[in-house]
Protein backbone atom coordinates (compact mmCIF):
# COMPACT_ATOMS: atom_id res chain seq x y z
CA UNK A 1 -5.11 -4.98 15.86
CA UNK A 2 -2.13 -5.04 13.55
CA UNK A 3 -0.25 -1.77 13.18
CA UNK A 4 0.04 -0.29 9.73
CA UNK A 5 3.52 -0.05 8.33
CA UNK A 6 4.93 3.44 8.24
CA UNK A 7 8.43 4.44 7.26
CA UNK A 8 10.48 1.79 9.06
CA UNK A 9 7.77 0.88 11.58
CA UNK A 10 7.27 -2.83 12.19
CA UNK A 11 3.91 -4.56 12.57
CA UNK A 12 3.11 -7.02 15.35
CA UNK A 13 0.10 -9.30 15.31
CA UNK A 14 -2.61 -8.96 17.95
CA UNK A 15 -1.28 -12.08 19.68
CA UNK A 16 2.29 -10.78 19.65
CA UNK A 17 1.11 -7.48 21.15
CA UNK A 18 -0.84 -9.38 23.82
CA UNK A 19 2.22 -11.45 24.71
CA UNK A 20 4.47 -8.38 24.70
CA UNK A 21 2.12 -6.66 27.16
CA UNK A 22 2.19 -9.74 29.43
CA UNK A 23 6.00 -9.78 29.31
CA UNK A 24 5.91 -6.09 30.29
CA UNK A 25 3.63 -7.04 33.19
CA UNK A 26 6.37 -9.37 34.45
CA UNK A 27 4.98 -12.73 33.43
CA UNK A 28 7.24 -15.63 32.51
CA UNK A 29 6.75 -17.68 29.34
CA UNK A 30 5.16 -20.53 31.32
CA UNK A 31 2.72 -18.16 33.03
CA UNK A 32 1.82 -16.56 29.69
CA UNK A 33 1.20 -20.00 28.18
CA UNK A 34 -1.13 -20.96 31.00
CA UNK A 35 -2.98 -17.63 30.85
CA UNK A 36 -3.49 -17.78 27.07
CA UNK A 37 -3.97 -21.57 26.96
CA UNK A 38 -1.07 -22.07 24.56
CA UNK A 39 2.16 -24.04 24.92
CA UNK A 40 5.37 -22.55 26.24
CA UNK A 41 6.94 -23.36 22.85
CA UNK A 42 4.29 -21.21 21.14
CA UNK A 43 5.01 -18.33 23.53
CA UNK A 44 8.73 -18.72 22.80
CA UNK A 45 8.03 -18.71 19.05
CA UNK A 46 5.99 -15.49 19.31
CA UNK A 47 8.72 -13.91 21.42
CA UNK A 48 11.40 -14.92 18.89
CA UNK A 49 9.30 -13.53 16.03
CA UNK A 50 8.86 -10.21 17.85
CA UNK A 51 12.59 -9.99 18.55
CA UNK A 52 13.35 -10.63 14.88
CA UNK A 53 10.78 -8.08 13.68
CA UNK A 54 12.00 -5.41 16.10
CA UNK A 55 15.66 -6.33 15.46
CA UNK A 56 16.60 -6.85 19.11
CA UNK A 57 18.58 -9.57 20.85
CA UNK A 58 17.32 -9.65 24.45
CA UNK A 59 14.23 -9.07 26.60
CA UNK A 60 15.27 -5.61 27.78
CA UNK A 61 15.71 -4.40 24.20
CA UNK A 62 12.39 -6.04 23.25
CA UNK A 63 10.55 -4.10 25.96
CA UNK A 64 12.33 -0.85 25.08
CA UNK A 65 11.45 -1.24 21.39
CA UNK A 66 7.89 -2.16 22.35
CA UNK A 67 7.51 1.09 24.27
CA UNK A 68 9.17 3.18 21.56
CA UNK A 69 6.95 1.69 18.83
CA UNK A 70 3.81 2.13 20.93
CA UNK A 71 3.03 -1.57 21.35
CA UNK A 72 3.20 -1.46 25.16
CA UNK A 73 0.71 0.51 27.21
CA UNK A 74 2.64 1.91 30.17
CA UNK A 75 0.38 2.59 33.12
CA UNK A 76 1.36 5.59 35.19
CA UNK A 77 0.45 5.69 38.89
């Protein structure tokens, strides 16, 4: 489900949120592609789009922004 835009809050598509969650779970682009039956290039494109939307430049910042914006569900033990 796409998030509604609030003051300064970015929207991610359902697929982007799914991929972001898989990145959080430690999967590599190749593994994500296999799991979702899409090419690695498509995974890379989604990742690049998310990084642009969230205005970050690396994976660590992407995950941090994903948590802060509520896109990543963090499971507590």
